[in-house]
């Protein structure tokens, strides 16, 4: 069984291919409890808003969802990027785990 895994650096590099990011120290990294889902959150430089990038895997598909919000938490835009297993494997963002039922 394959499982998604990410570090702040790997998710930062992946997200930077789709949107301009501030320096890595200005970006917050979070991992979901008991799930292989990850977030990057940062403030936009030119506005009072913020952005987040959410990396998840569901039903065998991996997605990177980037959302931009204004200072009132209203969504300005959301883009969804489908990621391939091969691309994630090359980045070291996939790990093989033993199936619990076996």
N, C-alpha and C. Protein backbone atom coordinates (compact mmCIF):
# COMPACT_ATOMS: atom_id res chain seq x y z
N UNK A 1 0.85 -1.17 0.00
CA UNK A 1 0.00 0.00 0.00
C UNK A 1 0.90 1.24 0.00
N UNK A 2 0.51 2.24 -0.75
CA UNK A 2 1.25 3.49 -0.82
C UNK A 2 0.61 4.54 0.07
N UNK A 3 1.46 5.35 0.71
CA UNK A 3 0.95 6.42 1.56
C UNK A 3 1.70 7.71 1.25
N UNK A 4 0.97 8.80 1.26
CA UNK A 4 1.54 10.11 1.02
C UNK A 4 2.34 10.55 2.24
N UNK A 5 3.51 11.14 2.01
CA UNK A 5 4.29 11.71 3.11
C UNK A 5 4.93 12.99 2.60
N UNK A 6 5.09 13.95 3.49
CA UNK A 6 5.68 15.23 3.08
C UNK A 6 6.42 15.84 4.25
N UNK A 7 7.42 16.62 3.91
CA UNK A 7 8.11 17.47 4.87
C UNK A 7 7.83 18.91 4.46
N UNK A 8 8.18 19.82 5.32
CA UNK A 8 7.98 21.22 4.97
C UNK A 8 8.72 21.57 3.68
N UNK A 9 9.94 21.08 3.56
CA UNK A 9 10.74 21.38 2.37
C UNK A 9 10.14 20.78 1.11
N UNK A 10 9.72 19.52 1.16
CA UNK A 10 9.17 18.88 -0.04
C UNK A 10 7.86 19.53 -0.47
N UNK A 11 7.00 19.86 0.49
CA UNK A 11 5.73 20.51 0.15
C UNK A 11 5.95 21.94 -0.33
N UNK A 12 6.91 22.62 0.25
CA UNK A 12 7.25 23.98 -0.19
C UNK A 12 7.72 23.98 -1.64
N UNK A 13 8.62 23.06 -1.97
CA UNK A 13 9.14 22.98 -3.35
C UNK A 13 8.03 22.62 -4.34
N UNK A 14 7.15 21.71 -3.97
CA UNK A 14 6.03 21.34 -4.83
C UNK A 14 5.09 22.52 -5.05
N UNK A 15 4.72 23.20 -3.98
CA UNK A 15 3.80 24.34 -4.07
C UNK A 15 4.41 25.49 -4.86
N UNK A 16 5.70 25.70 -4.72
CA UNK A 16 6.39 26.79 -5.41
C UNK A 16 6.33 26.64 -6.93
N UNK A 17 6.04 25.45 -7.42
CA UNK A 17 5.89 25.27 -8.87
C UNK A 17 4.57 25.83 -9.38
N UNK A 18 3.62 26.09 -8.49
CA UNK A 18 2.30 26.54 -8.90
C UNK A 18 1.97 27.97 -8.46
N UNK A 19 2.65 28.49 -7.42
CA UNK A 19 2.35 29.83 -6.92
C UNK A 19 3.62 30.39 -6.27
N UNK A 20 3.76 31.70 -6.34
CA UNK A 20 4.92 32.35 -5.71
C UNK A 20 4.77 32.28 -4.19
N UNK A 21 5.85 31.90 -3.52
CA UNK A 21 5.84 31.76 -2.07
C UNK A 21 6.84 32.72 -1.44
N UNK A 22 6.57 33.15 -0.20
CA UNK A 22 7.60 33.91 0.53
C UNK A 22 8.71 32.96 0.96
N UNK A 23 9.68 33.44 1.68
CA UNK A 23 10.75 32.58 2.17
C UNK A 23 10.21 31.45 3.04
N UNK A 24 10.96 30.36 3.11
CA UNK A 24 10.47 29.17 3.81
C UNK A 24 10.19 29.45 5.29
N UNK A 25 10.91 30.34 5.91
CA UNK A 25 10.68 30.65 7.33
C UNK A 25 9.37 31.41 7.54
N UNK A 26 8.80 31.97 6.50
CA UNK A 26 7.55 32.71 6.62
C UNK A 26 6.34 31.85 6.30
N UNK A 27 6.56 30.56 6.11
CA UNK A 27 5.49 29.62 5.76
C UNK A 27 5.33 28.64 6.91
N UNK A 28 4.09 28.42 7.34
CA UNK A 28 3.80 27.45 8.40
C UNK A 28 3.42 26.11 7.80
N UNK A 29 3.90 25.04 8.41
CA UNK A 29 3.65 23.68 7.95
C UNK A 29 2.86 22.95 9.02
N UNK A 30 1.82 22.22 8.60
CA UNK A 30 1.02 21.42 9.52
C UNK A 30 0.73 20.06 8.90
N UNK A 31 0.63 19.06 9.76
CA UNK A 31 0.21 17.72 9.34
C UNK A 31 -1.09 17.41 10.04
N UNK A 32 -2.02 16.82 9.32
CA UNK A 32 -3.30 16.43 9.91
C UNK A 32 -3.08 15.27 10.88
N UNK A 33 -3.81 15.29 11.97
CA UNK A 33 -3.72 14.22 12.96
C UNK A 33 -4.31 12.93 12.39
N UNK A 34 -3.55 11.85 12.48
CA UNK A 34 -3.95 10.50 12.05
C UNK A 34 -4.28 10.37 10.57
N UNK A 35 -3.89 11.32 9.76
CA UNK A 35 -4.13 11.26 8.31
C UNK A 35 -2.88 11.75 7.60
N UNK A 36 -2.57 11.21 6.44
CA UNK A 36 -1.42 11.69 5.68
C UNK A 36 -1.80 12.90 4.81
N UNK A 37 -2.30 13.96 5.45
CA UNK A 37 -2.66 15.20 4.77
C UNK A 37 -1.82 16.32 5.38
N UNK A 38 -1.44 17.31 4.54
CA UNK A 38 -0.50 18.33 4.96
C UNK A 38 -0.94 19.70 4.47
N UNK A 39 -0.57 20.76 5.21
CA UNK A 39 -0.86 22.14 4.84
C UNK A 39 0.38 22.99 4.89
N UNK A 40 0.41 23.98 4.02
CA UNK A 40 1.30 25.12 4.13
C UNK A 40 0.40 26.34 4.21
N UNK A 41 0.71 27.26 5.10
CA UNK A 41 -0.07 28.50 5.22
C UNK A 41 0.89 29.67 5.27
N UNK A 42 0.52 30.76 4.58
CA UNK A 42 1.37 31.94 4.58
C UNK A 42 0.52 33.17 4.27
N UNK A 43 1.05 34.34 4.69
CA UNK A 43 0.41 35.62 4.41
C UNK A 43 0.90 36.13 3.06
N UNK A 44 -0.01 36.76 2.33
CA UNK A 44 0.38 37.34 1.05
C UNK A 44 1.10 38.65 1.31
N UNK A 45 2.12 38.92 0.54
CA UNK A 45 2.94 40.11 0.76
C UNK A 45 2.23 41.41 0.39
N UNK A 46 1.48 41.43 -0.71
CA UNK A 46 0.89 42.66 -1.20
C UNK A 46 -0.48 42.97 -0.62
N UNK A 47 -1.09 42.02 0.07
CA UNK A 47 -2.43 42.24 0.62
C UNK A 47 -2.43 41.81 2.08
N UNK A 48 -3.55 41.99 2.73
CA UNK A 48 -3.69 41.53 4.11
C UNK A 48 -4.26 40.12 4.16
N UNK A 49 -4.36 39.47 3.02
CA UNK A 49 -4.92 38.13 2.96
C UNK A 49 -3.87 37.05 3.21
N UNK A 50 -4.30 35.83 3.06
CA UNK A 50 -3.39 34.70 3.24
C UNK A 50 -3.73 33.60 2.25
N UNK A 51 -2.83 32.65 2.14
CA UNK A 51 -3.00 31.51 1.25
C UNK A 51 -2.73 30.24 2.02
N UNK A 52 -3.27 29.14 1.52
CA UNK A 52 -2.88 27.84 2.04
C UNK A 52 -2.84 26.85 0.91
N UNK A 53 -1.97 25.88 1.08
CA UNK A 53 -1.84 24.78 0.13
C UNK A 53 -2.11 23.50 0.92
N UNK A 54 -3.02 22.70 0.44
CA UNK A 54 -3.44 21.48 1.12
C UNK A 54 -3.11 20.30 0.23
N UNK A 55 -2.29 19.40 0.72
CA UNK A 55 -1.90 18.19 -0.02
C UNK A 55 -2.63 17.01 0.59
N UNK A 56 -3.39 16.29 -0.23
CA UNK A 56 -4.16 15.16 0.27
C UNK A 56 -4.19 14.05 -0.75
N UNK A 57 -4.54 12.89 -0.26
CA UNK A 57 -4.71 11.73 -1.11
C UNK A 57 -6.06 11.12 -0.77
N UNK A 58 -6.88 10.91 -1.79
CA UNK A 58 -8.21 10.36 -1.57
C UNK A 58 -8.59 9.50 -2.76
N UNK A 59 -9.10 8.32 -2.48
CA UNK A 59 -9.55 7.39 -3.52
C UNK A 59 -8.46 7.14 -4.56
N UNK A 60 -7.22 7.04 -4.10
CA UNK A 60 -6.12 6.73 -4.99
C UNK A 60 -5.60 7.90 -5.80
N UNK A 61 -6.09 9.11 -5.56
CA UNK A 61 -5.62 10.30 -6.27
C UNK A 61 -4.99 11.27 -5.29
N UNK A 62 -3.92 11.90 -5.70
CA UNK A 62 -3.27 12.91 -4.88
C UNK A 62 -3.57 14.28 -5.47
N UNK A 63 -3.92 15.20 -4.59
CA UNK A 63 -4.29 16.54 -5.03
C UNK A 63 -3.54 17.59 -4.22
N UNK A 64 -3.24 18.70 -4.87
CA UNK A 64 -2.71 19.88 -4.21
C UNK A 64 -3.72 20.98 -4.43
N UNK A 65 -4.34 21.46 -3.37
CA UNK A 65 -5.38 22.49 -3.45
C UNK A 65 -4.79 23.77 -2.89
N UNK A 66 -4.74 24.81 -3.71
CA UNK A 66 -4.21 26.11 -3.29
C UNK A 66 -5.36 27.10 -3.22
N UNK A 67 -5.54 27.70 -2.05
CA UNK A 67 -6.65 28.63 -1.82
C UNK A 67 -6.09 29.98 -1.38
N UNK A 68 -6.59 31.04 -2.01
CA UNK A 68 -6.24 32.40 -1.62
C UNK A 68 -7.45 33.03 -0.96
N UNK A 69 -7.23 33.72 0.18
CA UNK A 69 -8.31 34.35 0.93
C UNK A 69 -7.95 35.80 1.22
N UNK A 70 -9.00 36.64 1.36
CA UNK A 70 -8.76 38.02 1.74
C UNK A 70 -8.71 38.14 3.26
N UNK A 71 -8.55 39.36 3.76
CA UNK A 71 -8.40 39.55 5.21
C UNK A 71 -9.66 39.23 5.99
N UNK A 72 -10.80 39.10 5.31
CA UNK A 72 -12.06 38.76 5.97
C UNK A 72 -12.37 37.27 5.85
N UNK A 73 -11.40 36.50 5.42
CA UNK A 73 -11.50 35.04 5.27
C UNK A 73 -12.43 34.62 4.12
N UNK A 74 -12.69 35.54 3.20
CA UNK A 74 -13.47 35.21 2.00
C UNK A 74 -12.54 34.61 0.95
N UNK A 75 -12.98 33.53 0.34
CA UNK A 75 -12.15 32.87 -0.67
C UNK A 75 -12.11 33.71 -1.94
N UNK A 76 -10.91 33.99 -2.39
CA UNK A 76 -10.71 34.73 -3.63
C UNK A 76 -10.58 33.75 -4.79
N UNK A 77 -9.77 32.73 -4.59
CA UNK A 77 -9.60 31.73 -5.64
C UNK A 77 -9.19 30.39 -5.04
N UNK A 78 -9.45 29.35 -5.78
CA UNK A 78 -9.03 28.00 -5.40
C UNK A 78 -8.65 27.27 -6.67
N UNK A 79 -7.46 26.69 -6.66
CA UNK A 79 -7.02 25.88 -7.79
C UNK A 79 -6.67 24.49 -7.28
N UNK A 80 -7.01 23.50 -8.06
CA UNK A 80 -6.76 22.10 -7.70
C UNK A 80 -5.83 21.51 -8.75
N UNK A 81 -4.74 20.92 -8.29
CA UNK A 81 -3.76 20.31 -9.18
C UNK A 81 -3.72 18.82 -8.89
N UNK A 82 -3.93 18.01 -9.91
CA UNK A 82 -3.81 16.55 -9.77
C UNK A 82 -2.35 16.17 -9.91
N UNK A 83 -1.89 15.34 -9.00
CA UNK A 83 -0.49 14.93 -8.98
C UNK A 83 -0.40 13.45 -9.32
N UNK A 84 0.61 13.08 -10.04
CA UNK A 84 0.78 11.68 -10.40
C UNK A 84 1.63 10.97 -9.35
N UNK A 85 1.42 9.68 -9.24
CA UNK A 85 2.20 8.87 -8.31
C UNK A 85 3.67 8.92 -8.70
N UNK A 86 3.95 8.89 -9.99
CA UNK A 86 5.34 8.92 -10.45
C UNK A 86 6.04 10.21 -10.03
N UNK A 87 5.36 11.35 -10.17
CA UNK A 87 5.95 12.63 -9.79
C UNK A 87 6.20 12.67 -8.28
N UNK A 88 5.23 12.22 -7.50
CA UNK A 88 5.40 12.20 -6.04
C UNK A 88 6.49 11.23 -5.62
N UNK A 89 6.61 10.11 -6.30
CA UNK A 89 7.64 9.13 -5.98
C UNK A 89 9.03 9.72 -6.26
N UNK A 90 9.18 10.44 -7.38
CA UNK A 90 10.45 11.09 -7.70
C UNK A 90 10.84 12.13 -6.65
N UNK A 91 9.86 12.77 -6.06
CA UNK A 91 10.10 13.79 -5.03
C UNK A 91 10.30 13.18 -3.64
N UNK A 92 10.12 11.88 -3.51
CA UNK A 92 10.25 11.23 -2.22
C UNK A 92 9.05 11.46 -1.32
N UNK A 93 7.88 11.70 -1.92
CA UNK A 93 6.68 12.02 -1.16
C UNK A 93 5.70 10.86 -1.08
N UNK A 94 6.16 9.66 -1.44
CA UNK A 94 5.35 8.44 -1.36
C UNK A 94 6.16 7.41 -0.57
N UNK A 95 5.49 6.72 0.35
CA UNK A 95 6.15 5.64 1.05
C UNK A 95 5.30 4.39 0.97
N UNK A 96 5.96 3.26 0.94
CA UNK A 96 5.28 1.97 0.89
C UNK A 96 5.10 1.48 2.33
N UNK A 97 3.87 1.12 2.69
CA UNK A 97 3.60 0.62 4.04
C UNK A 97 2.93 -0.74 3.93
N UNK A 98 3.13 -1.56 4.93
CA UNK A 98 2.52 -2.89 4.94
C UNK A 98 1.03 -2.73 5.19
N UNK A 99 0.25 -3.53 4.49
CA UNK A 99 -1.21 -3.52 4.66
C UNK A 99 -1.54 -4.14 6.01
N UNK A 100 -2.38 -3.48 6.80
CA UNK A 100 -2.73 -3.97 8.14
C UNK A 100 -3.53 -5.25 8.10
N UNK A 101 -4.25 -5.48 7.02
CA UNK A 101 -5.09 -6.68 6.94
C UNK A 101 -4.32 -7.93 6.56
N UNK A 102 -3.07 -7.77 6.15
CA UNK A 102 -2.30 -8.93 5.70
C UNK A 102 -1.62 -9.64 6.83
